[in-house]
Amino acid sequence: TVRMGGYKGAPLRVVADSGARTPVQSR
């Protein structure tokens, strides 16, 4: 996410994860 310098914007986060291993409790 954008958290420094007063910059604005909320870009879409994209994860390339072939096996769907992204933990459900991950950030």
PDB file of all heavy atoms in Angstrom:
ATOM      1  N   THR A   1       0.841  -1.190   0.000  1.00  0.00           N
ATOM      2  CA  THR A   1       0.000   0.000   0.000  1.00  0.00           C
ATOM      3  C   THR A   1       0.882   1.247   0.000  1.00  0.00           C
ATOM      4  O   THR A   1       2.108   1.158   0.111  1.00  0.00           O
ATOM      5  CB  THR A   1      -0.923   0.016   1.229  1.00  0.00           C
ATOM      6  OG1 THR A   1      -0.127  -0.117   2.414  1.00  0.00           O
ATOM      7  CG2 THR A   1      -1.930  -1.122   1.168  1.00  0.00           C
ATOM      8  N   VAL A   2       0.257   2.405  -0.106  1.00  0.00           N
ATOM      9  CA  VAL A   2       0.975   3.677  -0.087  1.00  0.00           C
ATOM     10  C   VAL A   2       0.887   4.250   1.319  1.00  0.00           C
ATOM     11  O   VAL A   2      -0.201   4.544   1.808  1.00  0.00           O
ATOM     12  CB  VAL A   2       0.370   4.662  -1.108  1.00  0.00           C
ATOM     13  CG1 VAL A   2       1.109   5.988  -1.066  1.00  0.00           C
ATOM     14  CG2 VAL A   2       0.414   4.060  -2.511  1.00  0.00           C
ATOM     15  N   ARG A   3       2.046   4.411   1.971  1.00  0.00           N
ATOM     16  CA  ARG A   3       2.011   4.790   3.383  1.00  0.00           C
ATOM     17  C   ARG A   3       3.020   5.879   3.749  1.00  0.00           C
ATOM     18  O   ARG A   3       3.134   6.229   4.902  1.00  0.00           O
ATOM     19  CB  ARG A   3       2.300   3.565   4.271  1.00  0.00           C
ATOM     20  CG  ARG A   3       1.398   2.379   4.035  1.00  0.00           C
ATOM     21  CD  ARG A   3       1.715   1.227   4.982  1.00  0.00           C
ATOM     22  NE  ARG A   3       3.078   0.777   4.887  1.00  0.00           N
ATOM     23  CZ  ARG A   3       3.531  -0.059   3.953  1.00  0.00           C
ATOM     24  NH1 ARG A   3       2.708  -0.504   3.017  1.00  0.00           N
ATOM     25  NH2 ARG A   3       4.796  -0.435   3.936  1.00  0.00           N
ATOM     26  N   MET A   4       3.752   6.408   2.780  1.00  0.00           N
ATOM     27  CA  MET A   4       4.806   7.362   3.109  1.00  0.00           C
ATOM     28  C   MET A   4       4.664   8.643   2.298  1.00  0.00           C
ATOM     29  O   MET A   4       4.089   8.646   1.213  1.00  0.00           O
ATOM     30  CB  MET A   4       6.191   6.747   2.839  1.00  0.00           C
ATOM     31  CG  MET A   4       6.522   5.542   3.710  1.00  0.00           C
ATOM     32  SD  MET A   4       8.150   4.837   3.336  1.00  0.00           S
ATOM     33  CE  MET A   4       9.225   6.121   3.956  1.00  0.00           C
ATOM     34  N   GLY A   5       5.191   9.728   2.835  1.00  0.00           N
ATOM     35  CA  GLY A   5       5.331  10.965   2.093  1.00  0.00           C
ATOM     36  C   GLY A   5       4.045  11.701   1.794  1.00  0.00           C
ATOM     37  O   GLY A   5       4.049  12.647   1.011  1.00  0.00           O
ATOM     38  N   GLY A   6       2.943  11.270   2.362  1.00  0.00           N
ATOM     39  CA  GLY A   6       1.685  11.941   2.077  1.00  0.00           C
ATOM     40  C   GLY A   6       1.142  11.661   0.701  1.00  0.00           C
ATOM     41  O   GLY A   6       0.232  12.337   0.225  1.00  0.00           O
ATOM     42  N   TYR A   7       1.692  10.661   0.021  1.00  0.00           N
ATOM     43  CA  TYR A   7       1.221  10.331  -1.318  1.00  0.00           C
ATOM     44  C   TYR A   7      -0.150   9.681  -1.244  1.00  0.00           C
ATOM     45  O   TYR A   7      -0.443   8.908  -0.335  1.00  0.00           O
ATOM     46  CB  TYR A   7       2.216   9.403  -2.031  1.00  0.00           C
ATOM     47  CG  TYR A   7       3.593   9.993  -2.160  1.00  0.00           C
ATOM     48  CD1 TYR A   7       4.676   9.410  -1.530  1.00  0.00           C
ATOM     49  CD2 TYR A   7       3.793  11.153  -2.903  1.00  0.00           C
ATOM     50  CE1 TYR A   7       5.945   9.962  -1.636  1.00  0.00           C
ATOM     51  CE2 TYR A   7       5.055  11.715  -3.013  1.00  0.00           C
ATOM     52  CZ  TYR A   7       6.123  11.111  -2.381  1.00  0.00           C
ATOM     53  OH  TYR A   7       7.373  11.668  -2.476  1.00  0.00           O
ATOM     54  N   LYS A   8      -0.954   9.974  -2.250  1.00  0.00           N
ATOM     55  CA  LYS A   8      -2.300   9.426  -2.292  1.00  0.00           C
ATOM     56  C   LYS A   8      -2.368   8.333  -3.357  1.00  0.00           C
ATOM     57  O   LYS A   8      -1.557   8.255  -4.254  1.00  0.00           O
ATOM     58  CB  LYS A   8      -3.308  10.531  -2.601  1.00  0.00           C
ATOM     59  CG  LYS A   8      -3.357  11.623  -1.538  1.00  0.00           C
ATOM     60  CD  LYS A   8      -4.376  12.695  -1.911  1.00  0.00           C
ATOM     61  CE  LYS A   8      -4.412  13.778  -0.850  1.00  0.00           C
ATOM     62  NZ  LYS A   8      -5.384  14.852  -1.195  1.00  0.00           N
ATOM     63  N   GLY A   9      -3.395   7.520  -3.251  1.00  0.00           N
ATOM     64  CA  GLY A   9      -3.583   6.468  -4.235  1.00  0.00           C
ATOM     65  C   GLY A   9      -3.658   5.118  -3.571  1.00  0.00           C
ATOM     66  O   GLY A   9      -2.996   4.859  -2.563  1.00  0.00           O
ATOM     67  N   ALA A  10      -4.489   4.259  -4.097  1.00  0.00           N
ATOM     68  CA  ALA A  10      -4.637   2.911  -3.572  1.00  0.00           C
ATOM     69  C   ALA A  10      -4.590   1.943  -4.747  1.00  0.00           C
ATOM     70  O   ALA A  10      -5.621   1.533  -5.277  1.00  0.00           O
ATOM     71  CB  ALA A  10      -5.962   2.771  -2.814  1.00  0.00           C
ATOM     72  N   PRO A  11      -3.377   1.600  -5.203  1.00  0.00           N
ATOM     73  CA  PRO A  11      -3.288   0.722  -6.367  1.00  0.00           C
ATOM     74  C   PRO A  11      -3.841  -0.665  -6.075  1.00  0.00           C
ATOM     75  O   PRO A  11      -3.772  -1.162  -4.947  1.00  0.00           O
ATOM     76  CB  PRO A  11      -1.786   0.668  -6.648  1.00  0.00           C
ATOM     77  CG  PRO A  11      -1.143   0.959  -5.322  1.00  0.00           C
ATOM     78  CD  PRO A  11      -2.056   1.941  -4.647  1.00  0.00           C
ATOM     79  N   LEU A  12      -4.401  -1.285  -7.097  1.00  0.00           N
ATOM     80  CA  LEU A  12      -4.824  -2.674  -6.992  1.00  0.00           C
ATOM     81  C   LEU A  12      -3.598  -3.537  -6.713  1.00  0.00           C
ATOM     82  O   LEU A  12      -2.563  -3.391  -7.352  1.00  0.00           O
ATOM     83  CB  LEU A  12      -5.478  -3.117  -8.304  1.00  0.00           C
ATOM     84  CG  LEU A  12      -5.808  -4.603  -8.437  1.00  0.00           C
ATOM     85  CD1 LEU A  12      -6.942  -4.995  -7.485  1.00  0.00           C
ATOM     86  CD2 LEU A  12      -6.162  -4.950  -9.877  1.00  0.00           C
ATOM     87  N   ARG A  13      -3.705  -4.448  -5.752  1.00  0.00           N
ATOM     88  CA  ARG A  13      -2.605  -5.368  -5.454  1.00  0.00           C
ATOM     89  C   ARG A  13      -2.837  -6.660  -6.226  1.00  0.00           C
ATOM     90  O   ARG A  13      -3.925  -7.254  -6.160  1.00  0.00           O
ATOM     91  CB  ARG A  13      -2.525  -5.630  -3.955  1.00  0.00           C
ATOM     92  CG  ARG A  13      -2.241  -4.371  -3.144  1.00  0.00           C
ATOM     93  CD  ARG A  13      -2.302  -4.615  -1.662  1.00  0.00           C
ATOM     94  NE  ARG A  13      -3.623  -5.049  -1.222  1.00  0.00           N
ATOM     95  CZ  ARG A  13      -3.965  -5.232   0.049  1.00  0.00           C
ATOM     96  NH1 ARG A  13      -3.084  -5.009   1.000  1.00  0.00           N
ATOM     97  NH2 ARG A  13      -5.176  -5.632   0.361  1.00  0.00           N
ATOM     98  N   VAL A  14      -1.815  -7.098  -6.941  1.00  0.00           N
ATOM     99  CA  VAL A  14      -1.915  -8.300  -7.762  1.00  0.00           C
ATOM    100  C   VAL A  14      -0.836  -9.281  -7.318  1.00  0.00           C
ATOM    101  O   VAL A  14       0.330  -8.904  -7.152  1.00  0.00           O
ATOM    102  CB  VAL A  14      -1.740  -7.980  -9.255  1.00  0.00           C
ATOM    103  CG1 VAL A  14      -1.849  -9.247 -10.103  1.00  0.00           C
ATOM    104  CG2 VAL A  14      -2.767  -6.941  -9.708  1.00  0.00           C
ATOM    105  N   VAL A  15      -1.235 -10.531  -7.118  1.00  0.00           N
ATOM    106  CA  VAL A  15      -0.292 -11.581  -6.735  1.00  0.00           C
ATOM    107  C   VAL A  15      -0.326 -12.673  -7.796  1.00  0.00           C
ATOM    108  O   VAL A  15      -1.394 -13.215  -8.107  1.00  0.00           O
ATOM    109  CB  VAL A  15      -0.630 -12.194  -5.365  1.00  0.00           C
ATOM    110  CG1 VAL A  15       0.391 -13.269  -5.003  1.00  0.00           C
ATOM    111  CG2 VAL A  15      -0.678 -11.112  -4.280  1.00  0.00           C
ATOM    112  N   ALA A  16       0.827 -12.970  -8.378  1.00  0.00           N
ATOM    113  CA  ALA A  16       0.946 -14.097  -9.300  1.00  0.00           C
ATOM    114  C   ALA A  16       1.232 -15.333  -8.457  1.00  0.00           C
ATOM    115  O   ALA A  16       2.315 -15.482  -7.894  1.00  0.00           O
ATOM    116  CB  ALA A  16       2.068 -13.856 -10.307  1.00  0.00           C
ATOM    117  N   ASP A  17       0.259 -16.203  -8.350  1.00  0.00           N
ATOM    118  CA  ASP A  17       0.298 -17.317  -7.391  1.00  0.00           C
ATOM    119  C   ASP A  17      -0.334 -18.551  -8.033  1.00  0.00           C
ATOM    120  O   ASP A  17      -1.520 -18.816  -7.854  1.00  0.00           O
ATOM    121  CB  ASP A  17      -0.461 -16.897  -6.121  1.00  0.00           C
ATOM    122  CG  ASP A  17      -0.562 -18.011  -5.092  1.00  0.00           C
ATOM    123  OD1 ASP A  17       0.139 -19.026  -5.239  1.00  0.00           O
ATOM    124  OD2 ASP A  17      -1.362 -17.848  -4.151  1.00  0.00           O
ATOM    125  N   SER A  18       0.441 -19.292  -8.799  1.00  0.00           N
ATOM    126  CA  SER A  18      -0.115 -20.390  -9.603  1.00  0.00           C
ATOM    127  C   SER A  18      -0.875 -21.406  -8.764  1.00  0.00           C
ATOM    128  O   SER A  18      -1.910 -21.922  -9.192  1.00  0.00           O
ATOM    129  CB  SER A  18       1.007 -21.081 -10.379  1.00  0.00           C
ATOM    130  OG  SER A  18       2.006 -21.568  -9.497  1.00  0.00           O
ATOM    131  N   GLY A  19      -0.399 -21.694  -7.553  1.00  0.00           N
ATOM    132  CA  GLY A  19      -1.025 -22.734  -6.748  1.00  0.00           C
ATOM    133  C   GLY A  19      -1.982 -22.240  -5.683  1.00  0.00           C
ATOM    134  O   GLY A  19      -2.385 -23.010  -4.804  1.00  0.00           O
ATOM    135  N   ALA A  20      -2.343 -20.968  -5.722  1.00  0.00           N
ATOM    136  CA  ALA A  20      -3.250 -20.376  -4.721  1.00  0.00           C
ATOM    137  C   ALA A  20      -2.725 -20.603  -3.305  1.00  0.00           C
ATOM    138  O   ALA A  20      -3.470 -20.979  -2.394  1.00  0.00           O
ATOM    139  CB  ALA A  20      -4.660 -20.942  -4.867  1.00  0.00           C
ATOM    140  N   ARG A  21      -1.443 -20.314  -3.115  1.00  0.00           N
ATOM    141  CA  ARG A  21      -0.817 -20.520  -1.803  1.00  0.00           C
ATOM    142  C   ARG A  21      -0.838 -19.262  -0.935  1.00  0.00           C
ATOM    143  O   ARG A  21      -0.311 -19.265   0.179  1.00  0.00           O
ATOM    144  CB  ARG A  21       0.631 -20.986  -1.985  1.00  0.00           C
ATOM    145  CG  ARG A  21       0.765 -22.370  -2.612  1.00  0.00           C
ATOM    146  CD  ARG A  21       2.211 -22.818  -2.593  1.00  0.00           C
ATOM    147  NE  ARG A  21       3.040 -22.012  -3.479  1.00  0.00           N
ATOM    148  CZ  ARG A  21       4.348 -21.810  -3.313  1.00  0.00           C
ATOM    149  NH1 ARG A  21       4.967 -22.298  -2.239  1.00  0.00           N
ATOM    150  NH2 ARG A  21       5.024 -21.079  -4.183  1.00  0.00           N
ATOM    151  N   THR A  22      -1.417 -18.187  -1.413  1.00  0.00           N
ATOM    152  CA  THR A  22      -1.483 -16.957  -0.620  1.00  0.00           C
ATOM    153  C   THR A  22      -2.223 -17.218   0.687  1.00  0.00           C
ATOM    154  O   THR A  22      -3.391 -17.617   0.677  1.00  0.00           O
ATOM    155  CB  THR A  22      -2.216 -15.850  -1.401  1.00  0.00           C
ATOM    156  OG1 THR A  22      -1.507 -15.580  -2.620  1.00  0.00           O
ATOM    157  CG2 THR A  22      -2.326 -14.585  -0.574  1.00  0.00           C
ATOM    158  N   PRO A  23      -1.568 -17.033   1.829  1.00  0.00           N
ATOM    159  CA  PRO A  23      -2.228 -17.312   3.121  1.00  0.00           C
ATOM    160  C   PRO A  23      -3.432 -16.393   3.343  1.00  0.00           C
ATOM    161  O   PRO A  23      -3.371 -15.201   3.055  1.00  0.00           O
ATOM    162  CB  PRO A  23      -1.125 -17.037   4.145  1.00  0.00           C
ATOM    163  CG  PRO A  23       0.159 -17.154   3.380  1.00  0.00           C
ATOM    164  CD  PRO A  23      -0.151 -16.653   2.009  1.00  0.00           C
ATOM    165  N   VAL A  24      -4.498 -16.948   3.843  1.00  0.00           N
ATOM    166  CA  VAL A  24      -5.701 -16.140   4.075  1.00  0.00           C
ATOM    167  C   VAL A  24      -5.479 -15.100   5.168  1.00  0.00           C
ATOM    168  O   VAL A  24      -6.231 -14.127   5.256  1.00  0.00           O
ATOM    169  CB  VAL A  24      -6.908 -17.042   4.431  1.00  0.00           C
ATOM    170  CG1 VAL A  24      -7.308 -17.898   3.245  1.00  0.00           C
ATOM    171  CG2 VAL A  24      -6.611 -17.893   5.663  1.00  0.00           C
ATOM    172  N   GLN A  25      -4.452 -15.291   6.004  1.00  0.00           N
ATOM    173  CA  GLN A  25      -4.151 -14.319   7.048  1.00  0.00           C
ATOM    174  C   GLN A  25      -3.039 -13.358   6.657  1.00  0.00           C
ATOM    175  O   GLN A  25      -2.594 -12.558   7.475  1.00  0.00           O
ATOM    176  CB  GLN A  25      -3.752 -15.058   8.338  1.00  0.00           C
ATOM    177  CG  GLN A  25      -4.859 -15.923   8.912  1.00  0.00           C
ATOM    178  CD  GLN A  25      -6.137 -15.134   9.175  1.00  0.00           C
ATOM    179  OE1 GLN A  25      -6.093 -13.982   9.616  1.00  0.00           O
ATOM    180  NE2 GLN A  25      -7.287 -15.742   8.889  1.00  0.00           N
ATOM    181  N   SER A  26      -2.606 -13.413   5.406  1.00  0.00           N
ATOM    182  CA  SER A  26      -1.553 -12.502   4.960  1.00  0.00           C
ATOM    183  C   SER A  26      -2.093 -11.088   4.823  1.00  0.00           C
ATOM    184  O   SER A  26      -3.306 -10.864   4.740  1.00  0.00           O
ATOM    185  CB  SER A  26      -0.989 -12.972   3.614  1.00  0.00           C
ATOM    186  OG  SER A  26      -2.006 -12.946   2.622  1.00  0.00           O
ATOM    187  N   ARG A  27      -1.202 -10.135   4.772  1.00  0.00           N
ATOM    188  CA  ARG A  27      -1.619  -8.741   4.683  1.00  0.00           C
ATOM    189  C   ARG A  27      -2.312  -8.429   3.361  1.00  0.00           C
ATOM    190  O   ARG A  27      -3.241  -7.615   3.319  1.00  0.00           O
ATOM    191  CB  ARG A  27      -0.404  -7.824   4.866  1.00  0.00           C
ATOM    192  CG  ARG A  27       0.152  -7.842   6.290  1.00  0.00           C
ATOM    193  CD  ARG A  27       1.406  -6.994   6.384  1.00  0.00           C
ATOM    194  NE  ARG A  27       1.885  -6.892   7.758  1.00  0.00           N
ATOM    195  CZ  ARG A  27       3.012  -6.299   8.119  1.00  0.00           C
ATOM    196  NH1 ARG A  27       3.786  -5.750   7.193  1.00  0.00           N
ATOM    197  NH2 ARG A  27       3.369  -6.258   9.379  1.00  0.00           N
TER     198      ARG A  27
END
